[in-house]
Amino acid sequence: MSSIFSGRTLIVGFDGWSDSADAASGAAKFMTVSAEAEMVGQIDSEEYYDFLFSRPQVVLDEDGERQLNWPTAELYAPTFESDVPNQFERVFFLLGSEPSRRWKAFVSEIMEMILDQDIQAVIFLGSIPADAPHTRPVPVSAHSQNQLVREQTGAEKSNYQGPVGIQSVLALELERAGIPTLALWASVPHYVQNGPSPKAMLALVTEIERYLGVSFDHGELANDAFTWERNIDELAENDEDMAGYIEQLEQSRDASDSEAASGDAIAMEFEKFLANQNEAKDVGEDGEPEN
């Protein structure tokens, strides 16, 4: 059976409610730029955004002139005619801001763009604040409501009930349309969630590489992640309470990892035992395996 992500796969990263430390949107933007993808679709800002809450941003263009960037959602596709490596020819990206109103109509427009591009699977990126130390690898959990996706990836089924973001609304609509989805959630240290976390971005990028079998140039992002971690280390060195709290988180994380490792070791030994038992059962009296 081929991987469910072997065809055209869309990576989705929205800023807003499910984007702690800009990890999800930052990772999606990083991959879009790295893949040299080109914009092929855009949502009309006037229809879906309240500019008192999602304000336009003033930026300077290459000539130093002021330009406005309006909140929107944009679909990016591979640039087949360029020198982009073939590994990205099936990877698409959806970047945007969570809309303020008319979510049903917003999702309907997004679905039209996805169907027009013949997208066959979708991976959502998210990030949440958690009791995680910044000095350890960023945990990334995988969830899917699609049974085939869970069987192929080992993702867990979410039993969450409560308020959701636009990505959950879109995911439900995609599943109804027969397009399987997977959600990857990075756990960002809650005590540093107010600023961007390149380490969490890198963790999400690495997971995408694993699922899709592609490879992005980590250079600049990896350097930013190192600098981010070192800056927090320096803050903790001058704050005894913060340092003590981080040490508690580290001990808790290490103990949890140790327990998981011990459990895995026991499971492996048990599997070996069962394999040996089955092998002995399958051997006949003449010492040859039975058919």
C-alpha atoms as a PDB file:
ATOM      1  CA  MET A   1       0.000   0.000   0.000  1.00  0.00           C
ATOM      2  CA  SER A   2       1.420   3.395  -1.018  1.00  0.00           C
ATOM      3  CA  SER A   3       1.685   6.177   1.518  1.00  0.00           C
ATOM      4  CA  ILE A   4      -1.387   8.319   1.890  1.00  0.00           C
ATOM      5  CA  PHE A   5       0.937  11.312   1.417  1.00  0.00           C
ATOM      6  CA  SER A   6       2.548  10.056  -1.805  1.00  0.00           C
ATOM      7  CA  GLY A   7       0.283  12.250  -3.956  1.00  0.00           C
ATOM      8  CA  ARG A   8      -0.384  15.960  -3.979  1.00  0.00           C
ATOM      9  CA  THR A   9      -0.243  17.060  -0.351  1.00  0.00           C
ATOM     10  CA  LEU A  10      -1.222  20.431   1.084  1.00  0.00           C
ATOM     11  CA  ILE A  11       0.571  21.885   4.123  1.00  0.00           C
ATOM     12  CA  VAL A  12      -1.632  24.333   6.075  1.00  0.00           C
ATOM     13  CA  GLY A  13      -0.369  26.916   8.548  1.00  0.00           C
ATOM     14  CA  PHE A  14      -2.659  29.674   9.875  1.00  0.00           C
ATOM     15  CA  ASP A  15      -1.678  32.351  12.356  1.00  0.00           C
ATOM     16  CA  GLY A  16      -4.099  33.021  15.171  1.00  0.00           C
ATOM     17  CA  TRP A  17      -5.736  30.784  17.747  1.00  0.00           C
ATOM     18  CA  SER A  18      -3.708  27.597  17.104  1.00  0.00           C
ATOM     19  CA  ASP A  19      -0.337  29.231  16.452  1.00  0.00           C
ATOM     20  CA  SER A  20       1.489  29.625  19.740  1.00  0.00           C
ATOM     21  CA  ALA A  21       4.874  31.345  19.297  1.00  0.00           C
ATOM     22  CA  ASP A  22       4.161  31.618  15.549  1.00  0.00           C
ATOM     23  CA  ALA A  23       5.472  28.080  15.214  1.00  0.00           C
ATOM     24  CA  ALA A  24       2.845  26.744  12.791  1.00  0.00           C
ATOM     25  CA  SER A  25       2.606  29.789  10.526  1.00  0.00           C
ATOM     26  CA  GLY A  26       6.374  30.297  10.710  1.00  0.00           C
ATOM     27  CA  ALA A  27       7.125  26.721   9.683  1.00  0.00           C
ATOM     28  CA  ALA A  28       4.659  26.907   6.793  1.00  0.00           C
ATOM     29  CA  LYS A  29       6.137  30.178   5.538  1.00  0.00           C
ATOM     30  CA  PHE A  30       9.676  28.831   5.831  1.00  0.00           C
ATOM     31  CA  MET A  31       8.825  25.764   3.741  1.00  0.00           C
ATOM     32  CA  THR A  32       6.923  27.811   1.163  1.00  0.00           C
ATOM     33  CA  VAL A  33       9.920  30.055   0.591  1.00  0.00           C
ATOM     34  CA  SER A  34      12.374  27.144   0.639  1.00  0.00           C
ATOM     35  CA  ALA A  35      10.337  25.270  -1.987  1.00  0.00           C
ATOM     36  CA  GLU A  36      10.073  28.428  -4.115  1.00  0.00           C
ATOM     37  CA  ALA A  37       6.343  27.832  -4.448  1.00  0.00           C
ATOM     38  CA  GLU A  38       4.227  30.394  -6.303  1.00  0.00           C
ATOM     39  CA  MET A  39       0.860  31.837  -5.293  1.00  0.00           C
ATOM     40  CA  VAL A  40      -2.033  30.458  -7.352  1.00  0.00           C
ATOM     41  CA  GLY A  41      -5.033  31.554  -5.273  1.00  0.00           C
ATOM     42  CA  GLN A  42      -6.019  34.211  -2.733  1.00  0.00           C
ATOM     43  CA  ILE A  43      -9.012  35.018  -0.539  1.00  0.00           C
ATOM     44  CA  ASP A  44     -10.623  38.484  -0.638  1.00  0.00           C
ATOM     45  CA  SER A  45      -9.761  40.190   2.657  1.00  0.00           C
ATOM     46  CA  GLU A  46     -12.853  42.408   2.723  1.00  0.00           C
ATOM     47  CA  GLU A  47     -15.164  39.407   2.899  1.00  0.00           C
ATOM     48  CA  TYR A  48     -13.773  37.634   5.956  1.00  0.00           C
ATOM     49  CA  TYR A  49     -11.644  39.872   8.169  1.00  0.00           C
ATOM     50  CA  ASP A  50     -12.378  42.503  10.783  1.00  0.00           C
ATOM     51  CA  PHE A  51      -9.459  44.887  10.398  1.00  0.00           C
ATOM     52  CA  LEU A  52      -9.781  46.109  13.987  1.00  0.00           C
ATOM     53  CA  PHE A  53      -8.617  42.659  15.086  1.00  0.00           C
ATOM     54  CA  SER A  54      -6.592  41.534  12.051  1.00  0.00           C
ATOM     55  CA  ARG A  55      -4.933  44.777  11.074  1.00  0.00           C
ATOM     56  CA  PRO A  56      -3.084  45.283   7.774  1.00  0.00           C
ATOM     57  CA  GLN A  57       0.683  45.593   8.076  1.00  0.00           C
ATOM     58  CA  VAL A  58       2.856  48.324   6.533  1.00  0.00           C
ATOM     59  CA  VAL A  59       6.053  46.975   4.964  1.00  0.00           C
ATOM     60  CA  LEU A  60       8.824  48.440   2.818  1.00  0.00           C
ATOM     61  CA  ASP A  61       9.314  46.987  -0.655  1.00  0.00           C
ATOM     62  CA  GLU A  62      12.651  46.549  -2.438  1.00  0.00           C
ATOM     63  CA  ASP A  63      12.634  50.231  -3.403  1.00  0.00           C
ATOM     64  CA  GLY A  64      11.956  51.374   0.153  1.00  0.00           C
ATOM     65  CA  GLU A  65       8.355  52.310  -0.622  1.00  0.00           C
ATOM     66  CA  ARG A  66       5.615  51.638   1.941  1.00  0.00           C
ATOM     67  CA  GLN A  67       3.161  48.902   0.998  1.00  0.00           C
ATOM     68  CA  LEU A  68       0.178  47.353   2.784  1.00  0.00           C
ATOM     69  CA  ASN A  69      -0.119  43.625   3.465  1.00  0.00           C
ATOM     70  CA  TRP A  70      -3.749  42.749   4.123  1.00  0.00           C
ATOM     71  CA  PRO A  71      -4.760  39.693   6.172  1.00  0.00           C
ATOM     72  CA  THR A  72      -5.809  36.923   3.810  1.00  0.00           C
ATOM     73  CA  ALA A  73      -5.303  33.268   2.907  1.00  0.00           C
ATOM     74  CA  GLU A  74      -3.082  32.268  -0.004  1.00  0.00           C
ATOM     75  CA  LEU A  75      -2.580  28.973  -1.811  1.00  0.00           C
ATOM     76  CA  TYR A  76       0.900  28.202  -3.152  1.00  0.00           C
ATOM     77  CA  ALA A  77       1.765  25.565  -5.752  1.00  0.00           C
ATOM     78  CA  PRO A  78       5.065  24.092  -6.970  1.00  0.00           C
ATOM     79  CA  THR A  79       6.862  25.961  -9.749  1.00  0.00           C
ATOM     80  CA  PHE A  80       7.272  23.073 -12.166  1.00  0.00           C
ATOM     81  CA  GLU A  81       9.011  25.124 -14.827  1.00  0.00           C
ATOM     82  CA  SER A  82      11.730  26.439 -12.504  1.00  0.00           C
ATOM     83  CA  ASP A  83      14.866  24.841 -11.101  1.00  0.00           C
ATOM     84  CA  VAL A  84      13.043  23.668  -7.974  1.00  0.00           C
ATOM     85  CA  PRO A  85      14.034  20.056  -7.160  1.00  0.00           C
ATOM     86  CA  ASN A  86      11.520  17.420  -8.182  1.00  0.00           C
ATOM     87  CA  GLN A  87      11.008  16.496  -4.533  1.00  0.00           C
ATOM     88  CA  PHE A  88       8.659  19.476  -4.138  1.00  0.00           C
ATOM     89  CA  GLU A  89       6.519  18.863  -7.222  1.00  0.00           C
ATOM     90  CA  ARG A  90       3.668  17.414  -5.156  1.00  0.00           C
ATOM     91  CA  VAL A  91       3.847  19.775  -2.158  1.00  0.00           C
ATOM     92  CA  PHE A  92       1.379  22.677  -1.872  1.00  0.00           C
ATOM     93  CA  PHE A  93       0.993  25.278   0.879  1.00  0.00           C
ATOM     94  CA  LEU A  94      -1.918  27.244   2.352  1.00  0.00           C
ATOM     95  CA  LEU A  95      -0.888  30.258   4.431  1.00  0.00           C
ATOM     96  CA  GLY A  96      -3.156  32.765   6.055  1.00  0.00           C
ATOM     97  CA  SER A  97      -4.785  34.457   8.991  1.00  0.00           C
ATOM     98  CA  GLU A  98      -7.748  32.967  10.795  1.00  0.00           C
ATOM     99  CA  PRO A  99     -10.853  34.823   9.528  1.00  0.00           C
ATOM    100  CA  SER A 100     -12.995  37.002  11.791  1.00  0.00           C
ATOM    101  CA  ARG A 101     -16.354  36.199  10.199  1.00  0.00           C
ATOM    102  CA  ARG A 102     -18.265  34.069   7.662  1.00  0.00           C
ATOM    103  CA  TRP A 103     -16.293  30.913   8.377  1.00  0.00           C
ATOM    104  CA  LYS A 104     -18.590  28.672   6.324  1.00  0.00           C
ATOM    105  CA  ALA A 105     -18.179  30.772   3.199  1.00  0.00           C
ATOM    106  CA  PHE A 106     -14.432  31.042   3.862  1.00  0.00           C
ATOM    107  CA  VAL A 107     -14.068  27.263   4.059  1.00  0.00           C
ATOM    108  CA  SER A 108     -16.172  26.872   0.913  1.00  0.00           C
ATOM    109  CA  GLU A 109     -13.759  29.110  -1.032  1.00  0.00           C
ATOM    110  CA  ILE A 110     -10.742  27.262   0.326  1.00  0.00           C
ATOM    111  CA  MET A 111     -12.298  23.943  -0.650  1.00  0.00           C
ATOM    112  CA  GLU A 112     -12.799  25.165  -4.222  1.00  0.00           C
ATOM    113  CA  MET A 113      -9.099  26.035  -4.497  1.00  0.00           C
ATOM    114  CA  ILE A 114      -8.074  22.683  -3.027  1.00  0.00           C
ATOM    115  CA  LEU A 115     -10.285  20.710  -5.394  1.00  0.00           C
ATOM    116  CA  ASP A 116      -9.102  22.763  -8.388  1.00  0.00           C
ATOM    117  CA  GLN A 117      -5.515  21.740  -7.583  1.00  0.00           C
ATOM    118  CA  ASP A 118      -6.466  18.069  -7.157  1.00  0.00           C
ATOM    119  CA  ILE A 119      -5.042  17.926  -3.624  1.00  0.00           C
ATOM    120  CA  GLN A 120      -5.139  14.340  -2.327  1.00  0.00           C
ATOM    121  CA  ALA A 121      -4.144  14.792   1.332  1.00  0.00           C
ATOM    122  CA  VAL A 122      -3.735  17.642   3.817  1.00  0.00           C
ATOM    123  CA  ILE A 123      -1.423  18.147   6.793  1.00  0.00           C
ATOM    124  CA  PHE A 124      -2.333  20.879   9.285  1.00  0.00           C
ATOM    125  CA  LEU A 125       0.292  22.549  11.465  1.00  0.00           C
ATOM    126  CA  GLY A 126      -0.491  23.824  14.941  1.00  0.00           C
ATOM    127  CA  SER A 127       1.310  24.821  18.118  1.00  0.00           C
ATOM    128  CA  ILE A 128       0.161  25.067  21.722  1.00  0.00           C
ATOM    129  CA  PRO A 129       1.720  26.268  24.999  1.00  0.00           C
ATOM    130  CA  ALA A 130       2.809  23.396  27.220  1.00  0.00           C
ATOM    131  CA  ASP A 131       4.858  22.477  30.295  1.00  0.00           C
ATOM    132  CA  ALA A 132       7.873  21.725  28.120  1.00  0.00           C
ATOM    133  CA  PRO A 133      11.466  22.831  28.833  1.00  0.00           C
ATOM    134  CA  HIS A 134      13.110  24.840  26.049  1.00  0.00           C
ATOM    135  CA  THR A 135      16.323  22.834  26.504  1.00  0.00           C
ATOM    136  CA  ARG A 136      14.818  19.573  25.240  1.00  0.00           C
ATOM    137  CA  PRO A 137      13.559  18.575  21.766  1.00  0.00           C
ATOM    138  CA  VAL A 138      10.164  20.100  20.988  1.00  0.00           C
ATOM    139  CA  PRO A 139       7.482  17.380  21.239  1.00  0.00           C
ATOM    140  CA  VAL A 140       5.239  17.084  18.174  1.00  0.00           C
ATOM    141  CA  SER A 141       2.054  15.037  18.430  1.00  0.00           C
ATOM    142  CA  ALA A 142       0.078  13.682  15.469  1.00  0.00           C
ATOM    143  CA  HIS A 143      -3.707  13.398  15.392  1.00  0.00           C
ATOM    144  CA  SER A 144      -6.157  12.283  12.735  1.00  0.00           C
ATOM    145  CA  GLN A 145      -9.828  11.403  12.548  1.00  0.00           C
ATOM    146  CA  ASN A 146      -9.092   9.292   9.468  1.00  0.00           C
ATOM    147  CA  GLN A 147      -8.624   5.593  10.205  1.00  0.00           C
ATOM    148  CA  LEU A 148      -6.314   4.932   7.235  1.00  0.00           C
ATOM    149  CA  VAL A 149      -4.082   7.846   8.219  1.00  0.00           C
ATOM    150  CA  ARG A 150      -3.869   6.503  11.774  1.00  0.00           C
ATOM    151  CA  GLU A 151      -2.996   3.019  10.538  1.00  0.00           C
ATOM    152  CA  GLN A 152      -0.228   4.298   8.269  1.00  0.00           C
ATOM    153  CA  THR A 153       1.279   6.938  10.545  1.00  0.00           C
ATOM    154  CA  GLY A 154       0.548   5.853  14.103  1.00  0.00           C
ATOM    155  CA  ALA A 155      -1.331   9.101  14.722  1.00  0.00           C
ATOM    156  CA  GLU A 156      -3.892   9.181  17.512  1.00  0.00           C
ATOM    157  CA  LYS A 157      -7.591   9.909  17.238  1.00  0.00           C
ATOM    158  CA  SER A 158      -8.583  13.096  19.019  1.00  0.00           C
ATOM    159  CA  ASN A 159     -11.460  12.904  21.501  1.00  0.00           C
ATOM    160  CA  TYR A 160     -11.389  16.654  22.163  1.00  0.00           C
ATOM    161  CA  GLN A 161     -14.707  18.463  22.553  1.00  0.00           C
ATOM    162  CA  GLY A 162     -14.909  22.234  22.776  1.00  0.00           C
ATOM    163  CA  PRO A 163     -14.066  25.440  20.874  1.00  0.00           C
ATOM    164  CA  VAL A 164     -12.001  24.991  17.711  1.00  0.00           C
ATOM    165  CA  GLY A 165     -10.082  27.058  15.188  1.00  0.00           C
ATOM    166  CA  ILE A 166     -10.608  27.431  11.452  1.00  0.00           C
ATOM    167  CA  GLN A 167      -8.303  24.476  10.761  1.00  0.00           C
ATOM    168  CA  SER A 168     -10.635  22.053  12.530  1.00  0.00           C
ATOM    169  CA  VAL A 169     -13.595  23.369  10.529  1.00  0.00           C
ATOM    170  CA  LEU A 170     -11.656  22.935   7.293  1.00  0.00           C
ATOM    171  CA  ALA A 171     -10.445  19.468   8.315  1.00  0.00           C
ATOM    172  CA  LEU A 172     -14.004  18.234   8.867  1.00  0.00           C
ATOM    173  CA  GLU A 173     -15.047  19.525   5.450  1.00  0.00           C
ATOM    174  CA  LEU A 174     -12.040  17.869   3.811  1.00  0.00           C
ATOM    175  CA  GLU A 175     -12.828  14.511   5.397  1.00  0.00           C
ATOM    176  CA  ARG A 176     -16.431  14.795   4.170  1.00  0.00           C
ATOM    177  CA  ALA A 177     -15.021  15.332   0.667  1.00  0.00           C
ATOM    178  CA  GLY A 178     -12.882  12.192   0.967  1.00  0.00           C
ATOM    179  CA  ILE A 179      -9.565  14.029   1.414  1.00  0.00           C
ATOM    180  CA  PRO A 180      -7.639  12.544   4.381  1.00  0.00           C
ATOM    181  CA  THR A 181      -6.099  14.886   6.934  1.00  0.00           C
ATOM    182  CA  LEU A 182      -3.406  14.827   9.612  1.00  0.00           C
ATOM    183  CA  ALA A 183      -2.716  17.447  12.291  1.00  0.00           C
ATOM    184  CA  LEU A 184       0.765  17.990  13.745  1.00  0.00           C
ATOM    185  CA  TRP A 185       0.941  19.925  17.022  1.00  0.00           C
ATOM    186  CA  ALA A 186       4.169  21.309  18.466  1.00  0.00           C
ATOM    187  CA  SER A 187       4.358  21.871  22.238  1.00  0.00           C
ATOM    188  CA  VAL A 188       5.925  25.267  22.908  1.00  0.00           C
ATOM    189  CA  PRO A 189       7.325  26.140  26.375  1.00  0.00           C
ATOM    190  CA  HIS A 190       4.578  28.292  27.851  1.00  0.00           C
ATOM    191  CA  TYR A 191       7.026  30.618  29.602  1.00  0.00           C
ATOM    192  CA  VAL A 192       8.419  31.823  26.237  1.00  0.00           C
ATOM    193  CA  GLN A 193       5.339  31.613  24.008  1.00  0.00           C
ATOM    194  CA  ASN A 194       4.954  35.360  23.442  1.00  0.00           C
ATOM    195  CA  GLY A 195       7.754  35.572  20.875  1.00  0.00           C
ATOM    196  CA  PRO A 196       8.441  33.436  17.783  1.00  0.00           C
ATOM    197  CA  SER A 197      10.036  30.057  18.462  1.00  0.00           C
ATOM    198  CA  PRO A 198      12.293  28.939  15.586  1.00  0.00           C
ATOM    199  CA  LYS A 199      13.027  25.724  17.502  1.00  0.00           C
ATOM    200  CA  ALA A 200       9.344  24.753  17.396  1.00  0.00           C
ATOM    201  CA  MET A 201       9.198  25.755  13.725  1.00  0.00           C
ATOM    202  CA  LEU A 202      12.149  23.498  12.994  1.00  0.00           C
ATOM    203  CA  ALA A 203      10.488  20.603  14.833  1.00  0.00           C
ATOM    204  CA  LEU A 204       7.400  20.912  12.608  1.00  0.00           C
ATOM    205  CA  VAL A 205       9.510  21.190   9.452  1.00  0.00           C
ATOM    206  CA  THR A 206      11.390  18.025  10.435  1.00  0.00           C
ATOM    207  CA  GLU A 207       8.124  16.142  10.904  1.00  0.00           C
ATOM    208  CA  ILE A 208       6.885  17.248   7.475  1.00  0.00           C
ATOM    209  CA  GLU A 209      10.129  15.974   5.966  1.00  0.00           C
ATOM    210  CA  ARG A 210       9.586  12.616   7.636  1.00  0.00           C
ATOM    211  CA  TYR A 211       6.010  12.241   6.407  1.00  0.00           C
ATOM    212  CA  LEU A 212       6.598  13.487   2.862  1.00  0.00           C
ATOM    213  CA  GLY A 213      10.111  12.230   2.230  1.00  0.00           C
ATOM    214  CA  VAL A 214      11.396  15.688   1.255  1.00  0.00           C
ATOM    215  CA  SER A 215      14.296  17.748   2.560  1.00  0.00           C
ATOM    216  CA  PHE A 216      14.499  21.485   3.251  1.00  0.00           C
ATOM    217  CA  ASP A 217      17.649  23.500   3.857  1.00  0.00           C
ATOM    218  CA  HIS A 218      17.641  24.004   7.640  1.00  0.00           C
ATOM    219  CA  GLY A 219      20.654  26.313   7.691  1.00  0.00           C
ATOM    220  CA  GLU A 220      19.190  29.678   8.676  1.00  0.00           C
ATOM    221  CA  LEU A 221      16.328  28.216  10.715  1.00  0.00           C
ATOM    222  CA  ALA A 222      18.671  25.920  12.647  1.00  0.00           C
ATOM    223  CA  ASN A 223      20.907  28.889  13.500  1.00  0.00           C
ATOM    224  CA  ASP A 224      17.891  30.871  14.659  1.00  0.00           C
ATOM    225  CA  ALA A 225      16.778  27.944  16.826  1.00  0.00           C
ATOM    226  CA  PHE A 226      20.204  27.745  18.476  1.00  0.00           C
ATOM    227  CA  THR A 227      20.249  31.493  19.132  1.00  0.00           C
ATOM    228  CA  TRP A 228      16.689  31.361  20.531  1.00  0.00           C
ATOM    229  CA  GLU A 229      17.615  28.619  22.996  1.00  0.00           C
ATOM    230  CA  ARG A 230      20.833  30.337  24.021  1.00  0.00           C
ATOM    231  CA  ASN A 231      19.032  33.643  24.670  1.00  0.00           C
ATOM    232  CA  ILE A 232      16.587  31.900  27.012  1.00  0.00           C
ATOM    233  CA  ASP A 233      19.503  30.198  28.765  1.00  0.00           C
ATOM    234  CA  GLU A 234      21.019  33.619  29.429  1.00  0.00           C
ATOM    235  CA  LEU A 235      17.735  34.910  30.831  1.00  0.00           C
ATOM    236  CA  ALA A 236      17.498  31.931  33.149  1.00  0.00           C
ATOM    237  CA  GLU A 237      21.075  32.394  34.335  1.00  0.00           C
ATOM    238  CA  ASN A 238      20.059  35.769  35.737  1.00  0.00           C
ATOM    239  CA  ASP A 239      16.719  34.628  37.162  1.00  0.00           C
ATOM    240  CA  GLU A 240      16.935  32.087  39.952  1.00  0.00           C
ATOM    241  CA  ASP A 241      13.207  31.370  40.022  1.00  0.00           C
ATOM    242  CA  MET A 242      13.074  30.813  36.260  1.00  0.00           C
ATOM    243  CA  ALA A 243      16.130  28.573  36.375  1.00  0.00           C
ATOM    244  CA  GLY A 244      14.604  26.480  39.157  1.00  0.00           C
ATOM    245  CA  TYR A 245      11.329  26.132  37.283  1.00  0.00           C
ATOM    246  CA  ILE A 246      13.091  25.046  34.075  1.00  0.00           C
ATOM    247  CA  GLU A 247      15.075  22.474  36.062  1.00  0.00           C
ATOM    248  CA  GLN A 248      11.818  21.010  37.397  1.00  0.00           C
ATOM    249  CA  LEU A 249      10.450  20.763  33.862  1.00  0.00           C
ATOM    250  CA  GLU A 250      13.650  19.080  32.698  1.00  0.00           C
ATOM    251  CA  GLN A 251      13.494  16.487  35.461  1.00  0.00           C
ATOM    252  CA  SER A 252       9.844  15.758  34.732  1.00  0.00           C
ATOM    253  CA  ARG A 253      10.525  15.436  30.996  1.00  0.00           C
ATOM    254  CA  ASP A 254      13.563  13.196  31.482  1.00  0.00           C
ATOM    255  CA  ALA A 255      11.652  10.944  33.872  1.00  0.00           C
ATOM    256  CA  SER A 256       8.786  10.674  31.393  1.00  0.00           C
ATOM    257  CA  ASP A 257      11.175   9.843  28.553  1.00  0.00           C
ATOM    258  CA  SER A 258      12.906   7.250  30.722  1.00  0.00           C
ATOM    259  CA  GLU A 259       9.614   5.565  31.562  1.00  0.00           C
ATOM    260  CA  ALA A 260       8.641   5.532  27.896  1.00  0.00           C
ATOM    261  CA  ALA A 261      12.011   4.049  26.971  1.00  0.00           C
ATOM    262  CA  SER A 262      11.651   1.342  29.614  1.00  0.00           C
ATOM    263  CA  GLY A 263       8.179   0.541  28.345  1.00  0.00           C
ATOM    264  CA  ASP A 264       9.462   0.274  24.791  1.00  0.00           C
ATOM    265  CA  ALA A 265      12.257  -2.053  25.890  1.00  0.00           C
ATOM    266  CA  ILE A 266       9.779  -4.322  27.685  1.00  0.00           C
ATOM    267  CA  ALA A 267       7.513  -4.335  24.645  1.00  0.00           C
ATOM    268  CA  MET A 268      10.412  -5.277  22.369  1.00  0.00           C
ATOM    269  CA  GLU A 269      11.446  -8.142  24.628  1.00  0.00           C
ATOM    270  CA  PHE A 270       7.866  -9.412  24.744  1.00  0.00           C
ATOM    271  CA  GLU A 271       7.651  -9.295  20.930  1.00  0.00           C
ATOM    272  CA  LYS A 272      10.877 -11.305  20.710  1.00  0.00           C
ATOM    273  CA  PHE A 273       9.439 -13.853  23.140  1.00  0.00           C
ATOM    274  CA  LEU A 274       6.276 -14.224  21.072  1.00  0.00           C
ATOM    275  CA  ALA A 275       8.321 -14.531  17.881  1.00  0.00           C
ATOM    276  CA  ASN A 276      10.432 -17.315  19.419  1.00  0.00           C
ATOM    277  CA  GLN A 277       7.313 -19.106  20.626  1.00  0.00           C
ATOM    278  CA  ASN A 278       5.729 -18.929  17.179  1.00  0.00           C
ATOM    279  CA  GLU A 279       8.932 -20.099  15.530  1.00  0.00           C
ATOM    280  CA  ALA A 280       9.107 -23.143  17.833  1.00  0.00           C
ATOM    281  CA  LYS A 281       5.442 -23.940  17.151  1.00  0.00           C
ATOM    282  CA  ASP A 282       5.955 -23.809  13.377  1.00  0.00           C
ATOM    283  CA  VAL A 283       8.827 -26.321  13.376  1.00  0.00           C
ATOM    284  CA  GLY A 284       7.798 -29.946  12.732  1.00  0.00           C
ATOM    285  CA  GLU A 285       9.189 -33.091  14.254  1.00  0.00           C
ATOM    286  CA  ASP A 286      11.813 -33.338  11.460  1.00  0.00           C
ATOM    287  CA  GLY A 287      13.141 -29.926  12.332  1.00  0.00           C
ATOM    288  CA  GLU A 288      11.785 -28.241   9.183  1.00  0.00           C
ATOM    289  CA  PRO A 289       9.196 -25.470   9.168  1.00  0.00           C
ATOM    290  CA  GLU A 290       5.674 -26.684   8.483  1.00  0.00           C
ATOM    291  CA  ASN A 291       3.719 -25.251   5.503  1.00  0.00           C
END
